[in-house]
């Protein structure tokens, strides 16, 4: 799977993913192509990650990874941006846990849904934004949904800092903020406010 980025104006649609063999970029080790000629090739790993979340729900492998990462994040083994979100299920009322990476923009933390409208987003909305973030200890928080017009810089920062979200968001992390404005309505973003 490959994505080709060409020179385009900010008003044009973002690049579409094109399948086929990846061309060989003849660059020296560590050298980046100029911005207008950049070729981003997402290999089989990106395809496998996307396949784990077909239909916005994780398959058995994704659930095993989620269990593992929930434990690692709850114990605080990784940096501050990695947390476990605990929120009451909208149907069962039982607490559900989701391992998530946060984006920091202008001193505020944000949660971004890499899958768009998914289970944890619906649960947070049903709970009125009340949730718990766990990293070593539980912290009660309120999650406020960010308006669509203000989401682009947060999604860009998320893609820069959270590698697991990159296969699910169709804009390259090196693109300008304007490229993220076209997809901002598809990816809910919540601002984290400690209680």
C-alpha atoms as a PDB file:
ATOM      1  CA  UNK A   1       0.000   0.000   0.000  1.00  0.00           C
ATOM      2  CA  UNK A   2       1.478   3.355  -0.915  1.00  0.00           C
ATOM      3  CA  UNK A   3       0.506   6.988  -0.846  1.00  0.00           C
ATOM      4  CA  UNK A   4       1.932   9.467  -3.287  1.00  0.00           C
ATOM      5  CA  UNK A   5       1.952  13.116  -2.278  1.00  0.00           C
ATOM      6  CA  UNK A   6       2.289  15.649  -5.064  1.00  0.00           C
ATOM      7  CA  UNK A   7       2.378  19.452  -5.026  1.00  0.00           C
ATOM      8  CA  UNK A   8      -1.171  20.640  -4.521  1.00  0.00           C
ATOM      9  CA  UNK A   9      -3.015  23.639  -3.218  1.00  0.00           C
ATOM     10  CA  UNK A  10      -4.633  23.507   0.251  1.00  0.00           C
ATOM     11  CA  UNK A  11      -8.090  23.469  -1.340  1.00  0.00           C
ATOM     12  CA  UNK A  12      -7.530  20.194  -3.188  1.00  0.00           C
ATOM     13  CA  UNK A  13      -8.581  16.903  -1.648  1.00  0.00           C
ATOM     14  CA  UNK A  14      -5.987  14.913   0.316  1.00  0.00           C
ATOM     15  CA  UNK A  15      -4.096  12.182  -1.544  1.00  0.00           C
ATOM     16  CA  UNK A  16      -5.810   8.838  -2.010  1.00  0.00           C
ATOM     17  CA  UNK A  17      -4.102   5.594  -1.132  1.00  0.00           C
ATOM     18  CA  UNK A  18      -2.950   3.670  -4.182  1.00  0.00           C
ATOM     19  CA  UNK A  19      -2.195  -0.034  -4.128  1.00  0.00           C
ATOM     20  CA  UNK A  20       0.590  -1.729  -6.003  1.00  0.00           C
ATOM     21  CA  UNK A  21       4.299  -2.259  -5.632  1.00  0.00           C
ATOM     22  CA  UNK A  22       6.201   0.555  -3.993  1.00  0.00           C
ATOM     23  CA  UNK A  23       8.618   2.408  -6.277  1.00  0.00           C
ATOM     24  CA  UNK A  24      12.203   2.582  -5.078  1.00  0.00           C
ATOM     25  CA  UNK A  25      13.033   6.024  -3.668  1.00  0.00           C
ATOM     26  CA  UNK A  26      16.765   6.354  -4.298  1.00  0.00           C
ATOM     27  CA  UNK A  27      17.672   8.516  -1.339  1.00  0.00           C
ATOM     28  CA  UNK A  28      20.612   8.209   0.990  1.00  0.00           C
ATOM     29  CA  UNK A  29      19.985   6.766   4.442  1.00  0.00           C
ATOM     30  CA  UNK A  30      18.093   9.329   6.546  1.00  0.00           C
ATOM     31  CA  UNK A  31      17.632  11.749   3.640  1.00  0.00           C
ATOM     32  CA  UNK A  32      14.098  13.045   3.020  1.00  0.00           C
ATOM     33  CA  UNK A  33      12.693  13.872  -0.367  1.00  0.00           C
ATOM     34  CA  UNK A  34      11.595  17.467  -0.965  1.00  0.00           C
ATOM     35  CA  UNK A  35       8.112  18.177   0.382  1.00  0.00           C
ATOM     36  CA  UNK A  36       6.434  18.302  -3.039  1.00  0.00           C
ATOM     37  CA  UNK A  37       7.915  14.985  -4.141  1.00  0.00           C
ATOM     38  CA  UNK A  38       7.618  13.061  -0.893  1.00  0.00           C
ATOM     39  CA  UNK A  39       6.658   9.419  -1.302  1.00  0.00           C
ATOM     40  CA  UNK A  40       5.172   7.723   1.712  1.00  0.00           C
ATOM     41  CA  UNK A  41       5.022   3.981   1.611  1.00  0.00           C
ATOM     42  CA  UNK A  42       3.034   2.264   4.322  1.00  0.00           C
ATOM     43  CA  UNK A  43       3.864  -1.400   4.226  1.00  0.00           C
ATOM     44  CA  UNK A  44       2.211  -4.564   5.362  1.00  0.00           C
ATOM     45  CA  UNK A  45       2.351  -3.473   8.996  1.00  0.00           C
ATOM     46  CA  UNK A  46      -0.073  -0.600   8.336  1.00  0.00           C
ATOM     47  CA  UNK A  47      -2.357  -2.993   6.458  1.00  0.00           C
ATOM     48  CA  UNK A  48      -2.330  -5.431   9.388  1.00  0.00           C
ATOM     49  CA  UNK A  49      -3.125  -2.673  11.882  1.00  0.00           C
ATOM     50  CA  UNK A  50      -6.051  -1.412   9.795  1.00  0.00           C
ATOM     51  CA  UNK A  51      -7.335  -4.979   9.344  1.00  0.00           C
ATOM     52  CA  UNK A  52      -7.557  -5.402  13.135  1.00  0.00           C
ATOM     53  CA  UNK A  53     -10.249  -2.677  13.263  1.00  0.00           C
ATOM     54  CA  UNK A  54     -12.562  -3.436  10.341  1.00  0.00           C
ATOM     55  CA  UNK A  55     -15.925  -1.778  10.927  1.00  0.00           C
ATOM     56  CA  UNK A  56     -14.596   0.317  13.825  1.00  0.00           C
ATOM     57  CA  UNK A  57     -14.416  -2.649  16.228  1.00  0.00           C
ATOM     58  CA  UNK A  58     -11.333  -4.572  17.220  1.00  0.00           C
ATOM     59  CA  UNK A  59     -10.975  -8.236  16.297  1.00  0.00           C
ATOM     60  CA  UNK A  60      -9.581 -10.860  18.711  1.00  0.00           C
ATOM     61  CA  UNK A  61      -5.983  -9.781  18.074  1.00  0.00           C
ATOM     62  CA  UNK A  62      -6.823  -6.121  18.690  1.00  0.00           C
ATOM     63  CA  UNK A  63      -8.554  -7.071  21.953  1.00  0.00           C
ATOM     64  CA  UNK A  64      -5.452  -8.988  23.120  1.00  0.00           C
ATOM     65  CA  UNK A  65      -3.244  -5.998  22.310  1.00  0.00           C
ATOM     66  CA  UNK A  66      -5.705  -3.702  24.091  1.00  0.00           C
ATOM     67  CA  UNK A  67      -5.564  -5.874  27.223  1.00  0.00           C
ATOM     68  CA  UNK A  68      -1.760  -5.799  27.196  1.00  0.00           C
ATOM     69  CA  UNK A  69      -1.527  -2.035  26.602  1.00  0.00           C
ATOM     70  CA  UNK A  70      -4.200  -1.334  29.230  1.00  0.00           C
ATOM     71  CA  UNK A  71      -2.011  -3.083  31.807  1.00  0.00           C
ATOM     72  CA  UNK A  72       1.157  -1.280  30.660  1.00  0.00           C
ATOM     73  CA  UNK A  73      -0.519   2.148  30.644  1.00  0.00           C
ATOM     74  CA  UNK A  74      -2.248   1.616  33.985  1.00  0.00           C
ATOM     75  CA  UNK A  75       1.093   0.736  35.563  1.00  0.00           C
ATOM     76  CA  UNK A  76       2.635   3.910  34.109  1.00  0.00           C
ATOM     77  CA  UNK A  77       5.375   2.094  32.210  1.00  0.00           C
ATOM     78  CA  UNK A  78       5.232   4.519  29.277  1.00  0.00           C
ATOM     79  CA  UNK A  79       5.339   8.345  28.994  1.00  0.00           C
ATOM     80  CA  UNK A  80       2.503  10.591  30.173  1.00  0.00           C
ATOM     81  CA  UNK A  81       0.683  10.675  26.827  1.00  0.00           C
ATOM     82  CA  UNK A  82      -0.286   6.976  27.093  1.00  0.00           C
ATOM     83  CA  UNK A  83      -3.352   6.390  29.276  1.00  0.00           C
ATOM     84  CA  UNK A  84      -6.230   4.007  29.837  1.00  0.00           C
ATOM     85  CA  UNK A  85      -9.644   5.609  29.424  1.00  0.00           C
ATOM     86  CA  UNK A  86     -12.305   4.171  31.715  1.00  0.00           C
ATOM     87  CA  UNK A  87     -15.907   5.079  30.919  1.00  0.00           C
ATOM     88  CA  UNK A  88     -19.303   3.532  31.672  1.00  0.00           C
ATOM     89  CA  UNK A  89     -20.844   1.623  28.789  1.00  0.00           C
ATOM     90  CA  UNK A  90     -23.940   3.313  27.391  1.00  0.00           C
ATOM     91  CA  UNK A  91     -25.926   0.050  27.310  1.00  0.00           C
ATOM     92  CA  UNK A  92     -24.549  -2.118  30.108  1.00  0.00           C
ATOM     93  CA  UNK A  93     -23.424   0.517  32.594  1.00  0.00           C
ATOM     94  CA  UNK A  94     -20.249  -1.509  33.163  1.00  0.00           C
ATOM     95  CA  UNK A  95     -16.890   0.260  33.094  1.00  0.00           C
ATOM     96  CA  UNK A  96     -15.043  -0.325  29.822  1.00  0.00           C
ATOM     97  CA  UNK A  97     -11.361   0.366  29.298  1.00  0.00           C
ATOM     98  CA  UNK A  98      -9.618   1.653  26.188  1.00  0.00           C
ATOM     99  CA  UNK A  99      -5.840   2.192  25.808  1.00  0.00           C
ATOM    100  CA  UNK A 100      -5.285   5.562  24.125  1.00  0.00           C
ATOM    101  CA  UNK A 101      -2.548   7.976  23.196  1.00  0.00           C
ATOM    102  CA  UNK A 102      -3.102  11.676  23.868  1.00  0.00           C
ATOM    103  CA  UNK A 103      -2.053  14.728  21.861  1.00  0.00           C
ATOM    104  CA  UNK A 104      -0.719  17.819  23.625  1.00  0.00           C
ATOM    105  CA  UNK A 105      -1.556  21.133  21.957  1.00  0.00           C
ATOM    106  CA  UNK A 106      -0.840  24.497  23.603  1.00  0.00           C
ATOM    107  CA  UNK A 107      -0.499  22.973  27.058  1.00  0.00           C
ATOM    108  CA  UNK A 108      -3.779  21.022  26.904  1.00  0.00           C
ATOM    109  CA  UNK A 109      -4.233  17.284  26.465  1.00  0.00           C
ATOM    110  CA  UNK A 110      -6.652  15.873  23.896  1.00  0.00           C
ATOM    111  CA  UNK A 111      -7.994  12.416  23.060  1.00  0.00           C
ATOM    112  CA  UNK A 112      -8.431  11.640  19.352  1.00  0.00           C
ATOM    113  CA  UNK A 113     -10.437   8.721  18.014  1.00  0.00           C
ATOM    114  CA  UNK A 114      -8.273   7.088  15.340  1.00  0.00           C
ATOM    115  CA  UNK A 115     -11.274   5.022  14.218  1.00  0.00           C
ATOM    116  CA  UNK A 116     -13.710   7.921  13.940  1.00  0.00           C
ATOM    117  CA  UNK A 117     -17.135   7.242  15.474  1.00  0.00           C
ATOM    118  CA  UNK A 118     -16.378   4.214  17.637  1.00  0.00           C
ATOM    119  CA  UNK A 119     -17.473   2.650  20.912  1.00  0.00           C
ATOM    120  CA  UNK A 120     -15.497   4.776  23.354  1.00  0.00           C
ATOM    121  CA  UNK A 121     -16.651   7.995  21.641  1.00  0.00           C
ATOM    122  CA  UNK A 122     -20.313   6.990  21.946  1.00  0.00           C
ATOM    123  CA  UNK A 123     -19.790   5.949  25.575  1.00  0.00           C
ATOM    124  CA  UNK A 124     -18.133   9.271  26.467  1.00  0.00           C
ATOM    125  CA  UNK A 125     -20.976  11.221  24.858  1.00  0.00           C
ATOM    126  CA  UNK A 126     -23.576   9.108  26.686  1.00  0.00           C
ATOM    127  CA  UNK A 127     -21.745   9.679  29.994  1.00  0.00           C
ATOM    128  CA  UNK A 128     -21.819  13.454  29.491  1.00  0.00           C
ATOM    129  CA  UNK A 129     -18.032  13.582  29.172  1.00  0.00           C
ATOM    130  CA  UNK A 130     -17.399  12.067  32.607  1.00  0.00           C
ATOM    131  CA  UNK A 131     -14.588   9.533  32.550  1.00  0.00           C
ATOM    132  CA  UNK A 132     -11.474   8.351  34.332  1.00  0.00           C
ATOM    133  CA  UNK A 133      -7.941   8.390  32.943  1.00  0.00           C
ATOM    134  CA  UNK A 134      -5.621   5.856  34.502  1.00  0.00           C
ATOM    135  CA  UNK A 135      -1.855   6.043  34.545  1.00  0.00           C
ATOM    136  CA  UNK A 136      -0.494   4.644  37.796  1.00  0.00           C
ATOM    137  CA  UNK A 137      -3.520   6.174  39.555  1.00  0.00           C
ATOM    138  CA  UNK A 138      -7.063   7.037  38.577  1.00  0.00           C
ATOM    139  CA  UNK A 139      -7.897  10.663  37.726  1.00  0.00           C
ATOM    140  CA  UNK A 140     -11.479  11.793  37.213  1.00  0.00           C
ATOM    141  CA  UNK A 141     -11.740  13.987  34.114  1.00  0.00           C
ATOM    142  CA  UNK A 142     -14.325  15.721  31.946  1.00  0.00           C
ATOM    143  CA  UNK A 143     -13.991  15.312  28.213  1.00  0.00           C
ATOM    144  CA  UNK A 144     -15.300  18.185  26.098  1.00  0.00           C
ATOM    145  CA  UNK A 145     -15.747  17.602  22.383  1.00  0.00           C
ATOM    146  CA  UNK A 146     -13.718  19.990  20.244  1.00  0.00           C
ATOM    147  CA  UNK A 147     -15.610  21.727  17.393  1.00  0.00           C
ATOM    148  CA  UNK A 148     -14.771  20.488  13.889  1.00  0.00           C
ATOM    149  CA  UNK A 149     -13.086  23.746  12.849  1.00  0.00           C
ATOM    150  CA  UNK A 150     -10.594  23.499  15.755  1.00  0.00           C
ATOM    151  CA  UNK A 151      -9.690  19.801  15.339  1.00  0.00           C
ATOM    152  CA  UNK A 152      -7.068  19.964  12.561  1.00  0.00           C
ATOM    153  CA  UNK A 153      -4.025  21.048  14.674  1.00  0.00           C
ATOM    154  CA  UNK A 154      -4.907  18.456  17.328  1.00  0.00           C
ATOM    155  CA  UNK A 155      -5.223  15.627  14.804  1.00  0.00           C
ATOM    156  CA  UNK A 156      -1.916  16.647  13.211  1.00  0.00           C
ATOM    157  CA  UNK A 157      -0.173  16.583  16.601  1.00  0.00           C
ATOM    158  CA  UNK A 158      -1.811  13.220  17.352  1.00  0.00           C
ATOM    159  CA  UNK A 159      -0.479  11.708  14.126  1.00  0.00           C
ATOM    160  CA  UNK A 160       2.989  13.122  14.901  1.00  0.00           C
ATOM    161  CA  UNK A 161       3.158  11.719  18.429  1.00  0.00           C
ATOM    162  CA  UNK A 162       1.039   8.532  18.376  1.00  0.00           C
ATOM    163  CA  UNK A 163       2.463   6.066  15.833  1.00  0.00           C
ATOM    164  CA  UNK A 164      -0.390   3.570  16.278  1.00  0.00           C
ATOM    165  CA  UNK A 165      -2.879   6.097  14.924  1.00  0.00           C
ATOM    166  CA  UNK A 166      -1.024   6.772  11.662  1.00  0.00           C
ATOM    167  CA  UNK A 167      -2.386   3.798   9.670  1.00  0.00           C
ATOM    168  CA  UNK A 168      -5.961   4.863  10.412  1.00  0.00           C
ATOM    169  CA  UNK A 169      -5.718   8.548   9.474  1.00  0.00           C
ATOM    170  CA  UNK A 170      -5.261   9.092   5.707  1.00  0.00           C
ATOM    171  CA  UNK A 171      -3.061  12.212   5.922  1.00  0.00           C
ATOM    172  CA  UNK A 172       0.702  12.037   6.359  1.00  0.00           C
ATOM    173  CA  UNK A 173       2.136  13.499   9.565  1.00  0.00           C
ATOM    174  CA  UNK A 174       4.401  15.838   7.582  1.00  0.00           C
ATOM    175  CA  UNK A 175       1.502  17.523   5.774  1.00  0.00           C
ATOM    176  CA  UNK A 176       0.478  21.079   6.784  1.00  0.00           C
ATOM    177  CA  UNK A 177      -2.488  21.665   9.082  1.00  0.00           C
ATOM    178  CA  UNK A 178      -4.672  22.588   6.083  1.00  0.00           C
ATOM    179  CA  UNK A 179      -4.525  18.972   4.859  1.00  0.00           C
ATOM    180  CA  UNK A 180      -6.015  17.823   8.169  1.00  0.00           C
ATOM    181  CA  UNK A 181      -8.950  20.235   7.897  1.00  0.00           C
ATOM    182  CA  UNK A 182     -10.503  18.108   5.145  1.00  0.00           C
ATOM    183  CA  UNK A 183     -10.707  15.029   7.396  1.00  0.00           C
ATOM    184  CA  UNK A 184     -11.366  16.750  10.744  1.00  0.00           C
ATOM    185  CA  UNK A 185     -15.104  16.047  10.676  1.00  0.00           C
ATOM    186  CA  UNK A 186     -14.443  12.274  10.511  1.00  0.00           C
ATOM    187  CA  UNK A 187     -12.298  12.059  13.670  1.00  0.00           C
ATOM    188  CA  UNK A 188     -13.821  13.128  17.012  1.00  0.00           C
ATOM    189  CA  UNK A 189     -11.475  15.009  19.366  1.00  0.00           C
ATOM    190  CA  UNK A 190     -12.027  15.582  23.101  1.00  0.00           C
ATOM    191  CA  UNK A 191     -10.229  18.093  25.339  1.00  0.00           C
ATOM    192  CA  UNK A 192      -9.230  16.596  28.698  1.00  0.00           C
ATOM    193  CA  UNK A 193     -10.088  18.724  31.756  1.00  0.00           C
ATOM    194  CA  UNK A 194      -9.104  17.339  35.186  1.00  0.00           C
ATOM    195  CA  UNK A 195     -11.834  17.487  37.844  1.00  0.00           C
END
